[in-house]
Protein backbone atom coordinates (compact mmCIF):
# COMPACT_ATOMS: atom_id res chain seq x y z
CA MET A 1 0.00 0.00 0.00
CA LYS A 2 2.81 2.39 0.91
CA ASN A 3 4.59 1.64 -2.37
CA TRP A 4 1.41 2.48 -4.27
CA ILE A 5 1.07 5.82 -2.48
CA VAL A 6 4.71 6.67 -3.15
CA LEU A 7 4.28 5.78 -6.82
CA LYS A 8 1.14 7.93 -7.05
CA ILE A 9 2.94 10.91 -5.49
CA MET A 10 5.88 10.46 -7.87
CA ARG A 11 3.55 10.48 -10.89
CA VAL A 12 1.76 13.65 -9.76
CA SER A 13 5.08 15.35 -8.98
CA PHE A 14 6.47 14.37 -12.38
CA GLY A 15 3.41 15.82 -14.12
CA ILE A 16 3.80 19.12 -12.27
CA ILE A 17 7.49 19.26 -13.12
CA ILE A 18 6.68 18.76 -16.84
CA LEU A 19 4.16 21.62 -16.70
CA ILE A 20 6.69 23.89 -15.02
CA VAL A 21 9.26 23.04 -17.68
CA LEU A 22 6.74 23.91 -20.41
CA VAL A 23 5.98 27.24 -18.77
CA PHE A 24 9.65 28.06 -18.19
CA THR A 25 10.63 27.07 -21.72
CA SER A 26 7.82 29.04 -23.34
CA GLU A 27 8.66 32.12 -21.32
CA SER A 28 12.42 32.06 -21.58
CA CYS A 29 13.57 30.31 -24.75
CA ASN A 30 13.34 33.50 -26.76
CA LYS A 31 14.37 35.95 -24.09
CA ASP A 32 17.54 36.95 -25.92
CA SER A 33 15.79 37.60 -29.23
CA GLU A 34 12.46 39.06 -28.16
CA GLU A 35 11.04 41.45 -30.73
CA SER A 36 8.51 43.37 -28.69
CA ASN A 37 7.80 45.78 -31.54
CA ASN A 38 6.55 43.06 -33.87
CA ILE A 39 2.86 42.57 -34.63
CA ILE A 40 3.14 38.88 -33.70
CA PRO A 41 4.20 38.45 -30.05
CA LYS A 42 7.26 36.22 -29.74
CA LYS A 43 6.65 35.40 -26.09
CA PRO A 44 3.53 33.48 -25.04
CA SER A 45 3.04 35.87 -22.12
CA GLN A 46 2.41 38.67 -24.64
CA TRP A 47 -0.83 37.07 -25.83
CA ILE A 48 -3.97 38.62 -24.38
CA VAL A 49 -4.79 35.33 -22.60
CA PRO A 50 -2.07 33.96 -20.26
CA LEU A 51 -2.30 30.46 -21.71
CA TYR A 52 0.94 29.26 -20.28
CA SER A 53 0.74 29.86 -16.56
CA LEU A 54 0.86 26.80 -14.34
CA SER A 55 -2.33 27.81 -12.56
CA TRP A 56 -4.16 28.12 -15.88
CA LEU A 57 -2.95 24.72 -17.07
CA LEU A 58 -4.01 23.08 -13.83
CA ALA A 59 -7.41 24.80 -13.91
CA HIS A 60 -7.99 23.55 -17.47
CA ARG A 61 -6.33 20.17 -17.16
CA THR A 62 -9.48 18.46 -18.44
CA TYR A 63 -9.29 20.41 -21.72
CA ASP A 64 -7.14 19.64 -24.72
CA TYR A 65 -4.99 22.67 -23.94
CA LYS A 66 -2.01 21.37 -25.89
CA ASP A 67 -3.55 23.01 -28.98
CA CYS A 68 -2.75 26.37 -27.42
CA LEU A 69 0.85 25.69 -26.40
CA VAL A 70 2.51 27.93 -28.95
CA SER A 71 6.29 27.81 -28.84
CA THR A 72 8.47 30.61 -30.17
CA GLU A 73 9.41 28.42 -33.10
CA THR A 74 5.91 27.98 -34.55
CA PHE A 75 5.31 31.47 -35.92
CA ILE A 76 5.32 31.24 -39.69
CA ASP A 77 6.43 34.18 -41.84
CA SER A 78 3.75 35.60 -44.12
CA SER A 79 3.10 38.81 -46.07
CA CYS A 80 0.26 41.02 -47.24
CA GLU A 81 1.88 41.66 -50.62
CA ASN A 82 -0.02 39.01 -52.58
CA ALA A 83 -2.87 38.56 -50.12
CA GLU A 84 -6.44 37.86 -51.17
CA VAL A 85 -8.46 41.04 -51.84
CA VAL A 86 -11.76 41.32 -49.94
CA ALA A 87 -14.72 43.63 -50.61
CA GLN A 88 -17.43 45.51 -48.72
CA ASN A 89 -20.20 43.25 -47.41
CA ASP A 90 -17.81 40.34 -47.89
CA CYS A 91 -17.54 37.34 -45.60
CA LYS A 92 -14.63 34.93 -45.34
CA SER A 93 -14.53 31.69 -43.39
CA ASP A 94 -11.43 29.55 -42.98
CA LYS A 95 -9.21 27.65 -40.55
CA LEU A 96 -6.16 29.12 -38.87
CA GLN A 97 -3.17 27.20 -37.53
CA LYS A 98 -1.89 28.20 -34.11
CA GLY A 99 0.90 30.72 -34.19
CA THR A 100 0.22 31.83 -37.78
CA ILE A 101 -1.02 35.06 -39.26
CA LYS A 102 -3.47 35.35 -42.17
CA PHE A 103 -3.25 38.49 -44.32
CA LEU A 104 -6.03 39.97 -46.45
CA LYS A 105 -6.12 43.20 -48.43
CA TYR A 106 -8.92 45.74 -48.89
CA LYS A 107 -9.01 48.29 -51.71
CA ALA A 108 -11.29 51.34 -51.59
CA THR A 109 -12.85 52.91 -54.70
CA VAL A 110 -14.56 55.73 -52.75
CA ASN A 111 -14.09 57.49 -49.44
CA GLU A 112 -15.80 55.19 -46.98
CA ASN A 113 -15.76 53.48 -43.62
CA LEU A 114 -14.45 49.93 -43.26
CA SER A 115 -15.67 47.88 -40.31
CA LEU A 116 -14.71 44.28 -39.57
CA SER A 117 -15.88 41.66 -37.13
CA ILE A 118 -14.41 38.21 -36.56
CA THR A 119 -16.13 35.32 -34.79
CA PRO A 120 -16.08 31.52 -34.77
CA PRO A 121 -18.16 29.95 -37.57
CA LYS A 122 -21.16 27.70 -36.98
CA TYR A 123 -21.01 25.27 -34.09
CA TYR A 124 -17.29 25.90 -33.59
CA TYR A 125 -16.65 25.55 -29.90
CA PRO A 126 -12.98 24.70 -29.29
CA ASN A 127 -12.21 22.60 -26.24
CA ASN A 128 -10.17 25.52 -25.01
CA SER A 129 -12.52 28.34 -24.05
CA ASN A 130 -9.66 30.83 -24.34
CA SER A 131 -9.24 30.29 -28.09
CA ILE A 132 -9.36 33.83 -29.46
CA ASN A 133 -9.25 35.15 -33.01
CA CYS A 134 -7.64 38.58 -33.22
CA ILE A 135 -7.91 41.10 -36.07
CA SER A 136 -5.81 44.19 -36.88
CA VAL A 137 -5.82 46.80 -39.66
CA TYR A 138 -2.72 48.62 -40.89
CA LYS A 139 -2.09 52.10 -42.20
CA GLU A 140 -3.07 52.90 -45.76
CA ASN A 141 -0.84 51.87 -48.67
CA ILE A 142 1.75 49.98 -46.60
CA ILE A 143 2.70 46.39 -47.41
CA VAL A 144 3.36 44.56 -44.15
CA ASP A 145 4.41 41.08 -43.09
CA SER A 146 4.55 39.08 -39.89
CA LYS A 147 7.74 40.88 -38.83
CA SER A 148 6.47 44.44 -39.40
CA PRO A 149 6.62 46.81 -36.40
CA VAL A 150 3.51 47.90 -34.53
CA ALA A 151 4.13 51.41 -35.88
CA ASN A 152 2.54 50.18 -39.11
CA LEU A 153 -0.77 49.55 -37.38
CA GLU A 154 -3.47 52.20 -37.78
CA THR A 155 -3.42 54.46 -34.74
CA ASN A 156 -6.78 53.26 -33.39
CA GLN A 157 -5.70 49.60 -33.30
CA SER A 158 -4.90 47.87 -30.03
CA THR A 159 -1.26 46.90 -29.47
CA SER A 160 -1.85 45.30 -26.07
CA GLY A 161 -4.99 43.21 -26.53
CA CYS A 162 -6.99 41.08 -28.94
CA GLN A 163 -9.60 42.86 -31.08
CA SER A 164 -12.57 40.97 -32.47
CA GLN A 165 -14.10 44.08 -34.06
CA THR A 166 -12.61 47.28 -35.45
CA SER A 167 -13.28 50.16 -37.85
CA VAL A 168 -11.14 52.52 -39.95
CA ALA A 169 -11.67 55.26 -42.53
CA MET A 170 -10.72 54.53 -46.14
CA THR A 171 -9.56 57.00 -48.81
CA ALA A 172 -10.61 56.44 -52.41
CA GLY A 173 -7.86 54.65 -54.34
CA SER A 174 -6.06 53.40 -51.23
CA TYR A 175 -5.60 49.91 -49.80
CA ARG A 176 -5.08 48.47 -46.34
CA CYS A 177 -3.64 45.21 -45.09
CA ILE A 178 -5.70 43.20 -42.61
CA SER A 179 -4.30 40.50 -40.33
CA ILE A 180 -5.99 37.63 -38.51
CA ARG A 181 -4.12 35.65 -35.87
CA SER A 182 -4.80 33.17 -33.11
CA ALA A 183 -2.95 31.49 -30.25
CA CYS A 184 -4.75 28.21 -30.96
CA ASP A 185 -5.71 25.97 -33.85
CA THR A 186 -9.04 27.53 -34.70
CA SER A 187 -11.58 28.51 -37.33
CA TYR A 188 -12.93 31.96 -38.04
CA MET A 189 -15.65 33.88 -39.88
CA LEU A 190 -14.75 37.44 -40.94
CA ARG A 191 -17.47 39.91 -41.93
CA LEU A 192 -16.89 43.31 -43.55
CA SER A 193 -19.22 46.32 -43.72
CA ASP A 194 -19.11 50.07 -44.20
CA ILE A 195 -21.30 50.62 -41.15
CA SER A 196 -19.89 53.10 -38.64
CA THR A 197 -19.02 51.65 -35.26
CA GLY A 198 -19.63 53.40 -31.95
CA LEU A 199 -23.30 54.18 -32.69
CA THR A 200 -25.61 54.48 -29.69
CA VAL A 201 -29.35 54.20 -29.17
CA SER A 202 -31.15 57.04 -27.41
CA GLY A 203 -34.56 58.60 -27.89
CA TYR A 204 -36.04 62.02 -27.28
CA GLY A 205 -39.61 62.97 -26.49
CA THR A 206 -42.06 61.73 -23.88
CA ALA A 207 -42.57 58.00 -23.79
CA ASN A 208 -46.15 56.73 -23.76
CA THR A 209 -47.91 53.38 -23.61
CA THR A 210 -50.53 54.02 -26.28
CA LEU A 211 -50.92 50.90 -28.38
CA PRO A 212 -51.28 51.11 -32.18
CA SER A 213 -54.73 52.17 -33.40
CA ALA A 214 -54.82 49.38 -35.95
CA TRP A 215 -53.37 45.93 -36.56
CA ALA A 216 -53.82 44.08 -39.84
CA ALA A 217 -52.70 40.84 -41.46
CA THR A 218 -52.19 40.92 -45.23
CA THR A 219 -50.15 39.10 -47.84
CA THR A 220 -47.47 40.00 -50.36
CA THR A 221 -44.75 38.39 -52.43
CA TYR A 222 -41.62 38.16 -50.31
CA THR A 223 -38.65 39.91 -51.91
CA SER A 224 -35.16 39.88 -50.42
CA ILE A 225 -33.31 43.20 -50.24
CA VAL A 226 -29.79 44.23 -51.20
CA GLY A 227 -28.35 46.11 -48.26
CA LYS A 228 -25.46 46.68 -45.92
CA ARG A 229 -24.46 43.85 -43.64
CA ALA A 230 -24.81 44.32 -39.90
CA LEU A 231 -21.73 43.27 -37.94
CA VAL A 232 -23.35 40.65 -35.76
CA GLY A 233 -21.70 37.44 -34.69
CA TYR A 234 -22.61 33.78 -35.00
CA SER A 235 -25.26 33.71 -32.25
CA SER A 236 -26.91 35.82 -29.53
CA SER A 237 -25.14 38.88 -30.90
CA THR A 238 -26.44 42.45 -30.97
CA THR A 239 -25.18 45.61 -32.66
CA VAL A 240 -26.43 49.11 -33.46
CA ILE A 241 -27.47 50.15 -36.97
CA PRO A 242 -28.66 53.51 -38.36
CA ILE A 243 -32.29 53.85 -39.44
CA GLY A 244 -31.59 56.67 -41.91
CA PHE A 245 -34.36 58.93 -40.60
CA ASN A 246 -36.16 59.73 -37.36
CA PHE A 247 -38.63 57.06 -36.31
CA THR A 248 -41.09 57.46 -33.43
CA PHE A 249 -41.89 54.42 -31.30
CA PHE A 250 -44.32 54.79 -28.38
CA GLY A 251 -43.74 58.54 -28.15
CA GLN A 252 -39.95 58.58 -28.37
CA THR A 253 -37.99 59.33 -31.53
CA TYR A 254 -34.88 57.37 -32.56
CA SER A 255 -32.32 57.51 -35.37
CA ASN A 256 -30.56 54.20 -34.50
CA ALA A 257 -31.73 50.81 -33.26
CA TYR A 258 -30.29 47.62 -31.79
CA VAL A 259 -30.54 44.61 -34.08
CA SER A 260 -30.11 41.08 -32.75
CA VAL A 261 -29.36 37.76 -34.42
CA ASN A 262 -32.26 36.49 -32.34
CA GLY A 263 -34.82 38.19 -34.57
CA ILE A 264 -35.57 41.54 -32.96
CA LEU A 265 -35.08 45.28 -33.23
CA SER A 266 -34.95 47.10 -29.93
CA PHE A 267 -34.71 50.59 -28.51
CA GLY A 268 -34.25 49.33 -24.94
CA SER A 269 -31.02 49.75 -23.01
CA THR A 270 -30.78 46.09 -21.98
CA ALA A 271 -30.72 44.76 -25.54
CA MET A 272 -27.15 43.57 -25.28
CA THR A 273 -27.85 41.15 -22.44
CA ALA A 274 -31.48 40.08 -22.90
CA SER A 275 -31.85 39.54 -26.63
CA TYR A 276 -32.14 35.76 -26.29
CA ASP A 277 -35.20 35.78 -24.00
CA LYS A 278 -38.24 35.50 -26.28
CA GLU A 279 -40.45 35.44 -23.18
CA ASN A 280 -39.62 39.12 -22.63
CA LEU A 281 -42.05 40.29 -25.33
CA PHE A 282 -45.08 39.43 -23.21
CA GLY A 283 -43.45 39.82 -19.80
CA SER A 284 -43.80 42.60 -17.26
CA ALA A 285 -41.52 44.44 -14.85
CA THR A 286 -41.95 41.56 -12.39
CA TYR A 287 -41.26 38.81 -14.90
CA TYR A 288 -37.86 37.18 -15.27
CA TYR A 289 -36.66 34.62 -17.75
CA GLY A 290 -36.38 31.16 -16.21
CA SER A 291 -36.70 31.11 -12.45
CA THR A 292 -33.55 32.86 -11.29
CA ASN A 293 -35.06 36.37 -11.09
CA THR A 294 -31.74 37.83 -12.20
CA ASP A 295 -31.97 38.34 -15.97
CA PRO A 296 -32.83 41.83 -17.28
CA ILE A 297 -36.16 42.60 -18.93
CA LEU A 298 -35.90 43.88 -22.49
CA LYS A 299 -38.71 46.21 -23.58
CA SER A 300 -39.28 48.70 -26.42
CA VAL A 301 -39.06 45.80 -28.86
CA ILE A 302 -40.10 45.06 -32.43
CA ALA A 303 -40.05 41.29 -32.82
CA PRO A 304 -40.69 39.74 -36.25
CA TRP A 305 -39.43 36.36 -34.95
CA TRP A 306 -37.96 36.36 -31.46
CA ASN A 307 -36.22 33.07 -30.84
CA TYR A 308 -32.65 31.91 -30.44
CA GLY A 309 -30.95 32.35 -33.82
CA SER A 310 -27.57 31.72 -35.41
CA LEU A 311 -25.72 32.70 -38.58
CA GLU A 312 -24.09 29.42 -39.46
CA GLY A 313 -21.96 30.54 -42.38
CA CYS A 314 -21.19 33.29 -44.84
CA ASP A 315 -24.44 32.53 -46.70
CA ALA A 316 -26.40 33.75 -43.66
CA TYR A 317 -26.50 37.38 -42.54
CA VAL A 318 -28.48 40.33 -41.21
CA GLN A 319 -28.68 43.20 -43.67
CA TYR A 320 -30.46 46.57 -43.81
CA ALA A 321 -31.30 49.33 -46.28
CA THR A 322 -33.03 52.71 -46.31
CA THR A 323 -34.89 53.40 -49.55
CA GLY A 324 -37.06 56.15 -51.03
CA SER A 325 -37.01 59.92 -50.54
CA ALA A 326 -37.88 62.09 -47.54
CA PRO A 327 -40.42 62.29 -46.03
CA ASN A 328 -41.51 58.85 -47.22
CA ARG A 329 -38.42 56.70 -46.73
CA VAL A 330 -38.56 53.06 -45.67
CA PHE A 331 -36.04 51.30 -43.45
CA THR A 332 -35.83 47.53 -43.96
CA VAL A 333 -33.95 44.97 -41.90
CA GLU A 334 -33.72 41.42 -43.19
CA TRP A 335 -32.63 38.26 -41.39
CA TYR A 336 -31.49 36.05 -44.26
CA ASN A 337 -31.00 32.29 -43.97
CA LEU A 338 -31.09 32.57 -40.18
CA TYR A 339 -31.13 29.22 -38.39
CA SER A 340 -33.78 29.52 -35.70
CA GLY A 341 -36.29 27.14 -34.19
CA GLY A 342 -35.31 24.15 -36.28
CA SER A 343 -35.35 25.78 -39.74
CA TYR A 344 -33.49 28.26 -41.93
CA ARG A 345 -35.66 31.37 -42.13
CA ASP A 346 -35.96 34.67 -44.04
CA PHE A 347 -37.96 37.57 -42.62
CA GLN A 348 -38.00 41.38 -42.50
CA THR A 349 -39.06 44.40 -40.50
CA LYS A 350 -40.00 47.63 -42.27
CA LEU A 351 -40.21 51.04 -40.56
CA TYR A 352 -41.97 53.86 -42.44
CA GLU A 353 -40.92 57.50 -42.14
CA THR A 354 -43.53 60.08 -41.05
CA THR A 355 -46.36 57.55 -40.54
CA ASN A 356 -44.29 55.41 -38.14
CA VAL A 357 -46.02 52.30 -39.47
CA ILE A 358 -44.32 48.97 -38.71
CA GLU A 359 -44.52 45.90 -40.94
CA LEU A 360 -43.31 42.38 -40.20
CA ILE A 361 -42.88 40.35 -43.40
CA TYR A 362 -42.14 36.64 -43.76
CA GLY A 363 -40.34 34.57 -46.38
CA SER A 364 -39.30 30.92 -46.38
CA GLY A 365 -38.87 28.90 -43.22
CA ALA A 366 -42.33 27.75 -42.12
CA ASN A 367 -42.39 24.53 -40.08
CA SER A 368 -44.92 22.12 -38.66
CA GLY A 369 -45.73 24.39 -35.73
CA SER A 370 -44.33 22.18 -33.01
CA SER A 371 -44.28 24.02 -29.66
CA THR A 372 -40.51 23.57 -29.67
CA TYR A 373 -40.30 25.69 -32.78
CA LYS A 374 -42.31 28.73 -31.83
CA GLY A 375 -41.26 32.30 -31.27
CA SER A 376 -42.58 35.64 -30.08
CA ILE A 377 -44.05 37.94 -32.75
CA GLY A 378 -45.21 41.50 -32.06
CA ILE A 379 -44.23 44.78 -30.44
CA SER A 380 -43.89 45.93 -26.83
CA ASN A 381 -43.54 49.32 -25.18
CA SER A 382 -41.14 50.27 -22.37
CA VAL A 383 -43.52 49.11 -19.60
CA GLY A 384 -44.41 45.61 -20.73
CA GLY A 385 -46.98 43.17 -19.48
CA THR A 386 -50.66 42.76 -20.34
CA GLY A 387 -52.02 45.79 -22.17
CA ASN A 388 -48.54 46.99 -23.16
CA TYR A 389 -47.80 44.72 -26.09
CA VAL A 390 -49.46 43.67 -29.34
CA ASN A 391 -49.24 40.01 -30.28
CA GLY A 392 -48.35 40.03 -33.96
CA LYS A 393 -50.28 36.91 -34.90
CA ASN A 394 -53.70 38.29 -33.88
CA GLY A 395 -53.40 41.92 -32.68
CA SER A 396 -54.21 41.02 -29.07
CA SER A 397 -52.78 42.89 -26.07
CA THR A 398 -53.66 40.06 -23.68
CA ASP A 399 -52.74 36.90 -25.61
CA SER A 400 -49.22 35.93 -24.59
CA SER A 401 -49.00 32.73 -26.65
CA TYR A 402 -46.12 32.14 -29.02
CA SER A 403 -46.42 31.75 -32.78
CA SER A 404 -45.43 29.23 -35.39
CA PHE A 405 -43.40 30.81 -38.17
CA PRO A 406 -45.91 32.41 -40.59
CA THR A 407 -46.30 31.19 -44.17
CA SER A 408 -44.27 32.97 -46.86
CA GLY A 409 -45.81 36.27 -47.92
CA THR A 410 -47.52 36.98 -44.59
CA VAL A 411 -47.46 40.64 -43.47
CA TYR A 412 -48.40 41.96 -40.04
CA ARG A 413 -48.92 45.75 -40.00
CA PHE A 414 -49.05 48.03 -36.94
CA THR A 415 -50.42 51.56 -37.47
CA PRO A 416 -50.03 54.16 -34.65
């Protein structure tokens, strides 16, 4: 028995010694040749996540963390010179080997804004929760490589952390190099747009709870739009997009709105943390998702199809467009090929200038109507609860039942 205990202790001690050696080697083997000004960190401790500390390795010993043990010898030289050229509204999905850098190039034909967002693609959940894809953009008209100094980065780029989203201004006729890197073997999905980042949602005017004077269900031929792509991630992601005109919703006027992958537009301040709770549409100030009584309540919502959704590839996206001329412009948001509630679905929300009419329009994606595959459809004011929402499927302010996805061509219209 004693021999067994001694053997067990020796095995544990040996394992700890190996881990310490890995940490020491990773931290010190390049001490004499550290190039701290390079875009690619040469020391593991320079990555945003301290993947190599003994405490981290012990805490994640059940994970396959070896995929993230990047030695100083694994960084592969690469250059932007002959990199693939990407375009506005583009999307690129690929795999990335640990310790490598992927270069892309963007060329501008007009003065514009370039915004980028990088996320994992569909169902990609690496064993290591600290697997991070990082993106950087360089100054205009400079060819860079994996050994270029940080001085070549655009001034608004982070040199101390890992960016998953960024934005820069582009001059007509110029180009920029874009880099993607990761500390782990990973996959990524990169989306590009000319949407401005840093937009906020705030309304002016006196909020009211007056429900629309009319609700109607009609039909049309569903037509997809051609618009700008919203920089939302794979799932449960929310961003802010411009409407293009002033729109009044329950007494308050807005020029921007939150849009969520989970099938909603919102003017409420908790949109970033509550967009996955379809129960919120018919809830009240005393209602909480689940039974924990801790989740926030999201109100001031327009919900064409509120359910958990995901963009599973570059052929799925959220896009928007403002069309027409003042004072009769129309703002359209489309969720295209969104995987939600067991099917791939297309649907839209239209906001009308001056009249403040709201339309919810449905394309492909109808299912059998199983209770598992239902969502919330309708609108809700900032108070919530019975009498403060309109159920889109029937115009009721007291019916809190969920809806099957409507047949293609269905239109629900709300008139103030």
